[in-house]
Amino acid sequence: MTQHHPHDTGYRELFSHPEFVQQLLEGFAPAEVVEMMDFSTLTNHSG
């Protein structure tokens, strides 16, 4: 049985928008890591 937590909805919403994921990574990941990423390839996948 899958248990859902109150924060699940917020994470699901955040990660359903590629531009938000890009901004999150640009703000928190090291610049060297972000420079290796091609954000144009981000796509949604079902969980």
N, C-alpha and C. Protein backbone atom coordinates (compact mmCIF):
# COMPACT_ATOMS: atom_id res chain seq x y z
N MET A 1 0.85 -1.18 0.00
CA MET A 1 0.00 0.00 0.00
C MET A 1 0.90 1.24 0.00
N THR A 2 0.62 2.18 -0.91
CA THR A 2 1.39 3.41 -1.00
C THR A 2 0.83 4.43 -0.01
N GLN A 3 1.72 5.03 0.73
CA GLN A 3 1.31 6.04 1.69
C GLN A 3 1.69 7.42 1.13
N HIS A 4 0.73 8.34 1.10
CA HIS A 4 0.98 9.68 0.60
C HIS A 4 1.19 10.63 1.77
N HIS A 5 2.11 11.55 1.59
CA HIS A 5 2.42 12.54 2.61
C HIS A 5 1.93 13.91 2.13
N PRO A 6 1.65 14.83 3.04
CA PRO A 6 1.14 16.15 2.66
C PRO A 6 2.03 16.89 1.67
N HIS A 7 3.35 16.69 1.74
CA HIS A 7 4.26 17.42 0.85
C HIS A 7 4.32 16.82 -0.55
N ASP A 8 3.76 15.62 -0.76
CA ASP A 8 3.81 14.97 -2.07
C ASP A 8 3.21 15.85 -3.17
N THR A 9 2.10 16.49 -2.89
CA THR A 9 1.43 17.32 -3.88
C THR A 9 2.32 18.48 -4.31
N GLY A 10 2.98 19.11 -3.36
CA GLY A 10 3.86 20.22 -3.69
C GLY A 10 5.04 19.79 -4.55
N TYR A 11 5.64 18.67 -4.20
CA TYR A 11 6.76 18.16 -5.00
C TYR A 11 6.30 17.76 -6.40
N ARG A 12 5.15 17.12 -6.47
CA ARG A 12 4.61 16.72 -7.77
C ARG A 12 4.38 17.94 -8.65
N GLU A 13 3.83 19.00 -8.06
CA GLU A 13 3.59 20.24 -8.81
C GLU A 13 4.90 20.87 -9.25
N LEU A 14 5.86 20.97 -8.33
CA LEU A 14 7.16 21.57 -8.65
C LEU A 14 7.83 20.84 -9.80
N PHE A 15 7.91 19.52 -9.69
CA PHE A 15 8.65 18.74 -10.68
C PHE A 15 7.88 18.50 -11.97
N SER A 16 6.66 18.99 -12.07
CA SER A 16 5.92 18.87 -13.32
C SER A 16 6.19 20.06 -14.24
N HIS A 17 7.01 21.01 -13.80
CA HIS A 17 7.35 22.19 -14.60
C HIS A 17 8.86 22.23 -14.82
N PRO A 18 9.29 21.90 -16.04
CA PRO A 18 10.74 21.87 -16.32
C PRO A 18 11.47 23.16 -15.96
N GLU A 19 10.82 24.30 -16.16
CA GLU A 19 11.49 25.56 -15.86
C GLU A 19 11.74 25.72 -14.35
N PHE A 20 10.86 25.18 -13.52
CA PHE A 20 11.08 25.22 -12.07
C PHE A 20 12.22 24.30 -11.66
N VAL A 21 12.30 23.14 -12.31
CA VAL A 21 13.39 22.21 -12.02
C VAL A 21 14.72 22.85 -12.40
N GLN A 22 14.75 23.51 -13.54
CA GLN A 22 15.97 24.19 -13.97
C GLN A 22 16.37 25.27 -12.96
N GLN A 23 15.43 26.09 -12.54
CA GLN A 23 15.73 27.14 -11.58
C GLN A 23 16.20 26.56 -10.24
N LEU A 24 15.58 25.47 -9.82
CA LEU A 24 15.98 24.82 -8.58
C LEU A 24 17.42 24.34 -8.67
N LEU A 25 17.76 23.67 -9.75
CA LEU A 25 19.12 23.16 -9.91
C LEU A 25 20.13 24.29 -10.06
N GLU A 26 19.78 25.31 -10.79
CA GLU A 26 20.69 26.45 -10.95
C GLU A 26 20.95 27.15 -9.62
N GLY A 27 19.97 27.10 -8.73
CA GLY A 27 20.11 27.77 -7.44
C GLY A 27 20.84 26.95 -6.39
N PHE A 28 20.82 25.62 -6.52
CA PHE A 28 21.36 24.78 -5.46
C PHE A 28 22.52 23.87 -5.87
N ALA A 29 22.56 23.47 -7.11
CA ALA A 29 23.64 22.56 -7.55
C ALA A 29 24.89 23.36 -7.87
N PRO A 30 26.05 22.75 -7.73
CA PRO A 30 27.29 23.44 -8.10
C PRO A 30 27.27 23.84 -9.58
N ALA A 31 27.84 24.99 -9.89
CA ALA A 31 27.83 25.51 -11.26
C ALA A 31 28.41 24.50 -12.25
N GLU A 32 29.44 23.75 -11.83
CA GLU A 32 30.06 22.77 -12.74
C GLU A 32 29.06 21.68 -13.14
N VAL A 33 28.17 21.34 -12.24
CA VAL A 33 27.16 20.32 -12.53
C VAL A 33 26.10 20.89 -13.46
N VAL A 34 25.63 22.10 -13.15
CA VAL A 34 24.59 22.73 -13.96
C VAL A 34 25.07 22.94 -15.40
N GLU A 35 26.33 23.28 -15.56
CA GLU A 35 26.87 23.51 -16.90
C GLU A 35 26.85 22.26 -17.76
N MET A 36 26.85 21.09 -17.15
CA MET A 36 26.82 19.82 -17.90
C MET A 36 25.41 19.42 -18.32
N MET A 37 24.40 20.11 -17.82
CA MET A 37 23.01 19.71 -18.07
C MET A 37 22.44 20.37 -19.30
N ASP A 38 21.60 19.62 -20.00
CA ASP A 38 20.86 20.16 -21.14
C ASP A 38 19.40 20.20 -20.73
N PHE A 39 18.96 21.34 -20.23
CA PHE A 39 17.61 21.46 -19.70
C PHE A 39 16.53 21.35 -20.78
N SER A 40 16.91 21.49 -22.04
CA SER A 40 15.91 21.37 -23.12
C SER A 40 15.42 19.93 -23.27
N THR A 41 16.10 18.98 -22.64
CA THR A 41 15.70 17.57 -22.76
C THR A 41 14.77 17.12 -21.63
N LEU A 42 14.44 18.00 -20.69
CA LEU A 42 13.58 17.61 -19.58
C LEU A 42 12.18 17.27 -20.10
N THR A 43 11.68 16.13 -19.66
CA THR A 43 10.32 15.70 -20.03
C THR A 43 9.65 15.12 -18.80
N ASN A 44 8.32 15.13 -18.79
CA ASN A 44 7.55 14.55 -17.70
C ASN A 44 7.46 13.04 -17.89
N HIS A 45 7.54 12.33 -16.78
CA HIS A 45 7.35 10.87 -16.75
C HIS A 45 6.42 10.55 -15.61
N SER A 46 5.59 9.55 -15.81
CA SER A 46 4.69 9.17 -14.72
C SER A 46 5.51 8.48 -13.63
N GLY A 47 5.08 8.66 -12.40
CA GLY A 47 5.81 8.16 -11.25
C GLY A 47 5.82 6.69 -11.13
